[in-house]
N, C-alpha and C. Protein backbone atom coordinates (compact mmCIF):
# COMPACT_ATOMS: atom_id res chain seq x y z
N MET A 1 79.09 5.60 28.57
CA MET A 1 77.71 6.04 28.64
C MET A 1 76.89 4.96 29.33
N ASN A 2 76.33 5.26 30.47
CA ASN A 2 75.51 4.32 31.21
C ASN A 2 74.18 4.98 31.55
N VAL A 3 73.12 4.58 30.86
CA VAL A 3 71.80 5.13 31.09
C VAL A 3 70.92 4.01 31.63
N MET A 4 70.36 4.20 32.82
CA MET A 4 69.53 3.15 33.41
C MET A 4 68.09 3.29 32.92
N THR A 5 67.52 2.22 32.46
CA THR A 5 66.12 2.13 32.10
C THR A 5 65.63 0.85 32.74
N GLN A 6 64.86 0.97 33.81
CA GLN A 6 64.49 -0.17 34.64
C GLN A 6 65.78 -0.88 35.05
N ASN A 7 65.94 -2.18 34.70
CA ASN A 7 67.17 -2.89 35.04
C ASN A 7 68.18 -2.90 33.90
N TRP A 8 67.84 -2.30 32.79
CA TRP A 8 68.68 -2.34 31.60
C TRP A 8 69.62 -1.14 31.58
N CYS A 9 70.88 -1.40 31.29
CA CYS A 9 71.92 -0.37 31.25
C CYS A 9 72.50 -0.31 29.85
N SER A 10 72.53 0.86 29.24
CA SER A 10 73.11 1.04 27.92
C SER A 10 74.63 0.98 28.02
N ILE A 11 75.26 0.17 27.15
CA ILE A 11 76.72 0.03 27.20
C ILE A 11 77.38 0.35 25.86
N GLY A 12 76.65 0.92 24.93
CA GLY A 12 77.22 1.26 23.63
C GLY A 12 76.34 0.78 22.51
N THR A 13 76.91 0.72 21.32
CA THR A 13 76.14 0.27 20.15
C THR A 13 76.78 -0.97 19.55
N ILE A 14 76.01 -1.64 18.73
CA ILE A 14 76.51 -2.84 18.06
C ILE A 14 77.72 -2.51 17.17
N ASP A 15 77.75 -1.27 16.67
CA ASP A 15 78.87 -0.85 15.81
C ASP A 15 80.18 -0.70 16.58
N ASP A 16 80.11 -0.67 17.92
CA ASP A 16 81.32 -0.58 18.74
C ASP A 16 82.09 -1.90 18.80
N ILE A 17 81.44 -2.98 18.40
CA ILE A 17 82.05 -4.31 18.50
C ILE A 17 82.22 -4.89 17.10
N PRO A 18 83.43 -5.31 16.74
CA PRO A 18 83.61 -5.91 15.41
C PRO A 18 82.91 -7.26 15.33
N ARG A 19 82.45 -7.63 14.13
CA ARG A 19 81.88 -8.97 13.95
C ARG A 19 82.92 -10.01 14.34
N ARG A 20 82.44 -11.05 15.06
CA ARG A 20 83.29 -12.12 15.57
C ARG A 20 84.36 -11.56 16.51
N GLY A 21 83.97 -10.52 17.27
CA GLY A 21 84.90 -9.91 18.20
C GLY A 21 84.23 -9.63 19.53
N ALA A 22 84.94 -8.91 20.40
CA ALA A 22 84.43 -8.62 21.73
C ALA A 22 84.90 -7.24 22.19
N ARG A 23 84.23 -6.75 23.18
CA ARG A 23 84.58 -5.50 23.86
C ARG A 23 84.29 -5.74 25.34
N CYS A 24 85.03 -5.11 26.22
CA CYS A 24 84.84 -5.32 27.66
C CYS A 24 84.26 -4.09 28.33
N VAL A 25 83.44 -4.34 29.34
CA VAL A 25 82.93 -3.29 30.21
C VAL A 25 83.17 -3.75 31.65
N LYS A 26 83.34 -2.78 32.55
CA LYS A 26 83.55 -3.09 33.96
C LYS A 26 82.24 -2.94 34.72
N HIS A 27 82.04 -3.84 35.68
CA HIS A 27 80.91 -3.77 36.61
C HIS A 27 81.49 -4.04 37.98
N GLY A 28 81.81 -2.97 38.71
CA GLY A 28 82.53 -3.13 39.97
C GLY A 28 83.90 -3.71 39.70
N GLU A 29 84.22 -4.80 40.37
CA GLU A 29 85.50 -5.48 40.17
C GLU A 29 85.46 -6.46 38.99
N MET A 30 84.26 -6.74 38.48
CA MET A 30 84.09 -7.73 37.42
C MET A 30 84.26 -7.11 36.03
N THR A 31 84.89 -7.86 35.14
CA THR A 31 84.95 -7.48 33.73
C THR A 31 83.97 -8.35 32.97
N ILE A 32 83.15 -7.72 32.15
CA ILE A 32 82.16 -8.43 31.35
C ILE A 32 82.53 -8.27 29.88
N ALA A 33 82.61 -9.39 29.17
CA ALA A 33 82.91 -9.38 27.75
C ALA A 33 81.61 -9.37 26.97
N ILE A 34 81.49 -8.44 26.03
CA ILE A 34 80.33 -8.33 25.16
C ILE A 34 80.77 -8.83 23.79
N PHE A 35 80.14 -9.89 23.31
CA PHE A 35 80.54 -10.54 22.06
C PHE A 35 79.53 -10.25 20.95
N ARG A 36 80.04 -10.16 19.72
CA ARG A 36 79.20 -10.02 18.52
C ARG A 36 79.57 -11.15 17.57
N THR A 37 78.57 -11.90 17.16
CA THR A 37 78.81 -13.02 16.25
C THR A 37 78.83 -12.53 14.80
N ALA A 38 79.16 -13.41 13.89
CA ALA A 38 79.21 -13.06 12.46
C ALA A 38 77.84 -12.63 11.95
N ASP A 39 76.76 -13.14 12.56
CA ASP A 39 75.41 -12.76 12.13
C ASP A 39 74.77 -11.73 13.07
N ASP A 40 75.61 -10.95 13.76
CA ASP A 40 75.20 -9.81 14.58
C ASP A 40 74.38 -10.14 15.82
N GLN A 41 74.51 -11.33 16.35
CA GLN A 41 73.93 -11.62 17.66
C GLN A 41 74.89 -11.09 18.72
N ILE A 42 74.33 -10.63 19.83
CA ILE A 42 75.13 -10.06 20.91
C ILE A 42 74.94 -10.90 22.18
N PHE A 43 76.05 -11.18 22.87
CA PHE A 43 76.04 -11.97 24.10
C PHE A 43 76.96 -11.32 25.12
N ALA A 44 76.70 -11.56 26.39
CA ALA A 44 77.55 -11.03 27.46
C ALA A 44 77.89 -12.13 28.45
N LEU A 45 79.18 -12.30 28.71
CA LEU A 45 79.69 -13.28 29.67
C LEU A 45 80.72 -12.61 30.55
N GLU A 46 80.84 -13.10 31.78
CA GLU A 46 81.97 -12.64 32.58
C GLU A 46 83.23 -12.99 31.80
N ASP A 47 84.18 -12.09 31.77
CA ASP A 47 85.40 -12.27 30.97
C ASP A 47 86.39 -13.17 31.70
N LYS A 48 85.91 -14.40 31.99
CA LYS A 48 86.72 -15.31 32.79
C LYS A 48 86.33 -16.75 32.44
N CYS A 49 87.25 -17.48 31.83
CA CYS A 49 87.01 -18.88 31.50
C CYS A 49 86.87 -19.68 32.80
N PRO A 50 85.93 -20.64 32.84
CA PRO A 50 85.75 -21.44 34.05
C PRO A 50 86.93 -22.38 34.34
N HIS A 51 87.83 -22.54 33.39
CA HIS A 51 88.96 -23.44 33.57
C HIS A 51 90.07 -22.79 34.40
N LYS A 52 90.73 -21.78 33.85
CA LYS A 52 91.85 -21.13 34.53
C LYS A 52 91.72 -19.60 34.50
N ASN A 53 90.47 -19.12 34.38
CA ASN A 53 90.17 -17.68 34.40
C ASN A 53 90.77 -16.92 33.22
N GLY A 54 90.99 -17.59 32.10
CA GLY A 54 91.51 -16.92 30.91
C GLY A 54 90.56 -15.84 30.41
N PRO A 55 91.07 -14.82 29.72
CA PRO A 55 90.26 -13.72 29.22
C PRO A 55 89.48 -14.13 27.96
N LEU A 56 88.23 -14.48 28.13
CA LEU A 56 87.42 -14.94 26.99
C LEU A 56 87.31 -13.87 25.90
N SER A 57 87.39 -12.59 26.28
CA SER A 57 87.28 -11.51 25.31
C SER A 57 88.41 -11.55 24.28
N GLN A 58 89.48 -12.24 24.59
CA GLN A 58 90.61 -12.34 23.67
C GLN A 58 90.57 -13.63 22.86
N GLY A 59 89.49 -14.40 23.02
CA GLY A 59 89.35 -15.67 22.32
C GLY A 59 88.75 -15.51 20.93
N ILE A 60 88.59 -16.63 20.26
CA ILE A 60 88.04 -16.67 18.91
C ILE A 60 86.54 -16.95 19.00
N VAL A 61 85.73 -16.08 18.37
CA VAL A 61 84.28 -16.23 18.35
C VAL A 61 83.90 -17.03 17.10
N HIS A 62 83.14 -18.12 17.31
CA HIS A 62 82.76 -19.00 16.19
C HIS A 62 81.55 -19.83 16.58
N ASP A 63 80.65 -20.06 15.65
CA ASP A 63 79.54 -20.99 15.81
C ASP A 63 78.80 -20.85 17.15
N GLY A 64 78.53 -19.62 17.60
CA GLY A 64 77.81 -19.41 18.85
C GLY A 64 78.63 -19.68 20.09
N CYS A 65 79.94 -19.76 19.93
CA CYS A 65 80.84 -20.05 21.05
C CYS A 65 82.05 -19.13 21.00
N VAL A 66 82.83 -19.15 22.07
CA VAL A 66 84.13 -18.49 22.10
C VAL A 66 85.13 -19.52 22.61
N THR A 67 86.31 -19.54 21.98
CA THR A 67 87.38 -20.44 22.42
C THR A 67 88.37 -19.65 23.24
N CYS A 68 88.59 -20.10 24.47
CA CYS A 68 89.50 -19.42 25.38
C CYS A 68 90.91 -19.42 24.79
N PRO A 69 91.62 -18.28 24.86
CA PRO A 69 92.96 -18.21 24.28
C PRO A 69 94.03 -18.94 25.08
N LEU A 70 93.74 -19.32 26.33
CA LEU A 70 94.77 -19.98 27.14
C LEU A 70 94.89 -21.47 26.87
N HIS A 71 93.76 -22.20 26.95
CA HIS A 71 93.82 -23.66 26.84
C HIS A 71 92.78 -24.23 25.89
N ASN A 72 92.23 -23.39 25.02
CA ASN A 72 91.30 -23.81 23.97
C ASN A 72 89.98 -24.41 24.47
N TRP A 73 89.56 -24.06 25.66
CA TRP A 73 88.23 -24.47 26.09
C TRP A 73 87.21 -23.72 25.25
N VAL A 74 86.15 -24.39 24.84
CA VAL A 74 85.08 -23.79 24.04
C VAL A 74 83.89 -23.53 24.96
N ILE A 75 83.44 -22.26 25.00
CA ILE A 75 82.37 -21.83 25.90
C ILE A 75 81.19 -21.33 25.07
N SER A 76 80.00 -21.82 25.37
CA SER A 76 78.78 -21.36 24.69
C SER A 76 78.51 -19.91 25.04
N LEU A 77 78.29 -19.07 24.03
CA LEU A 77 77.96 -17.67 24.29
C LEU A 77 76.56 -17.53 24.88
N GLU A 78 75.68 -18.44 24.55
CA GLU A 78 74.30 -18.37 25.05
C GLU A 78 74.18 -18.79 26.50
N SER A 79 74.83 -19.89 26.87
CA SER A 79 74.66 -20.45 28.22
C SER A 79 75.85 -20.25 29.15
N GLY A 80 77.02 -19.94 28.59
CA GLY A 80 78.24 -19.85 29.40
C GLY A 80 78.83 -21.20 29.74
N GLN A 81 78.21 -22.27 29.27
CA GLN A 81 78.61 -23.64 29.59
C GLN A 81 79.79 -24.09 28.72
N ALA A 82 80.76 -24.76 29.35
CA ALA A 82 81.86 -25.37 28.61
C ALA A 82 81.29 -26.47 27.72
N GLN A 83 81.86 -26.62 26.54
CA GLN A 83 81.38 -27.59 25.55
C GLN A 83 82.27 -28.83 25.52
N GLY A 84 81.77 -29.88 24.89
CA GLY A 84 82.54 -31.10 24.75
C GLY A 84 82.73 -31.79 26.10
N ALA A 85 83.91 -32.35 26.31
CA ALA A 85 84.20 -33.09 27.53
C ALA A 85 84.53 -32.17 28.72
N ASP A 86 84.75 -30.88 28.45
CA ASP A 86 85.10 -29.95 29.52
C ASP A 86 83.87 -29.62 30.35
N GLU A 87 84.07 -29.34 31.64
CA GLU A 87 82.97 -29.02 32.54
C GLU A 87 83.24 -27.71 33.24
N GLY A 88 82.20 -26.90 33.34
CA GLY A 88 82.30 -25.62 34.01
C GLY A 88 81.38 -24.62 33.32
N LYS A 89 81.19 -23.49 33.97
CA LYS A 89 80.28 -22.49 33.44
C LYS A 89 80.75 -21.11 33.88
N THR A 90 80.60 -20.15 33.02
CA THR A 90 80.90 -18.77 33.36
C THR A 90 79.59 -17.97 33.43
N MET A 91 79.59 -16.87 34.16
CA MET A 91 78.38 -16.08 34.36
C MET A 91 77.91 -15.44 33.05
N VAL A 92 76.60 -15.50 32.83
CA VAL A 92 75.96 -14.96 31.62
C VAL A 92 75.06 -13.80 32.03
N PHE A 93 75.02 -12.76 31.22
CA PHE A 93 74.17 -11.60 31.48
C PHE A 93 73.18 -11.42 30.34
N PRO A 94 71.90 -11.13 30.67
CA PRO A 94 70.91 -10.86 29.62
C PRO A 94 71.28 -9.59 28.83
N ILE A 95 71.09 -9.69 27.53
CA ILE A 95 71.40 -8.60 26.59
C ILE A 95 70.20 -8.41 25.68
N LYS A 96 69.96 -7.16 25.29
CA LYS A 96 68.97 -6.91 24.24
C LYS A 96 69.43 -5.70 23.44
N LEU A 97 68.93 -5.63 22.21
CA LEU A 97 69.22 -4.50 21.34
C LEU A 97 68.00 -3.61 21.23
N ASP A 98 68.21 -2.31 21.31
CA ASP A 98 67.19 -1.31 21.04
C ASP A 98 67.70 -0.55 19.83
N GLU A 99 67.27 -1.00 18.65
CA GLU A 99 67.84 -0.58 17.37
C GLU A 99 69.31 -0.97 17.39
N LYS A 100 70.25 -0.02 17.47
CA LYS A 100 71.67 -0.37 17.50
C LYS A 100 72.27 -0.30 18.91
N THR A 101 71.50 0.17 19.88
CA THR A 101 72.00 0.32 21.25
C THR A 101 71.96 -1.02 21.97
N ILE A 102 73.08 -1.37 22.62
CA ILE A 102 73.17 -2.61 23.40
C ILE A 102 72.79 -2.30 24.84
N LEU A 103 71.86 -3.09 25.37
CA LEU A 103 71.43 -2.95 26.76
C LEU A 103 71.75 -4.25 27.50
N ILE A 104 72.26 -4.12 28.72
CA ILE A 104 72.58 -5.28 29.53
C ILE A 104 71.83 -5.17 30.85
N ASP A 105 71.35 -6.31 31.35
CA ASP A 105 70.69 -6.35 32.66
C ASP A 105 71.68 -6.98 33.64
N LEU A 106 72.27 -6.15 34.47
CA LEU A 106 73.28 -6.61 35.42
C LEU A 106 72.70 -7.26 36.65
N SER A 107 71.37 -7.18 36.83
CA SER A 107 70.75 -7.75 38.01
C SER A 107 70.31 -9.21 37.83
N LYS A 108 70.36 -9.72 36.61
CA LYS A 108 69.82 -11.06 36.35
C LYS A 108 70.86 -11.98 35.71
N SER A 109 72.06 -11.96 36.22
CA SER A 109 73.07 -12.86 35.67
C SER A 109 72.73 -14.29 36.04
N SER A 110 73.14 -15.22 35.18
CA SER A 110 72.90 -16.63 35.46
C SER A 110 74.21 -17.39 35.37
N GLY A 111 74.34 -18.43 36.15
CA GLY A 111 75.55 -19.22 36.15
C GLY A 111 76.50 -18.74 37.23
N THR A 112 77.57 -19.46 37.40
CA THR A 112 78.56 -19.10 38.39
C THR A 112 79.92 -19.19 37.75
N SER A 113 80.86 -18.50 38.32
CA SER A 113 82.20 -18.56 37.78
C SER A 113 83.08 -19.48 38.55
């Protein structure tokens, strides 16, 4: 279900994503991972770790971050920035909730992969 409202695109509901889990949506050739934290915050990142392009959607969500399943890089869900001594950034997409509906703005991504 994709309903355009200005730049915001509906991609489902918060109930579609398990707590501390992720779900993926496609945007052209890009896969975007939509994450839900334990306290129901929603974030969207390109599903590609800045280290070796690992699938972040398959990582562990914790403390506002996701740990890549390939080499344990920790990526901030808010900024897409690698944490600790690691360097790199993955693309971040603005997200908002309209009651339980998740909306993403695909025109205002920040960061680079």
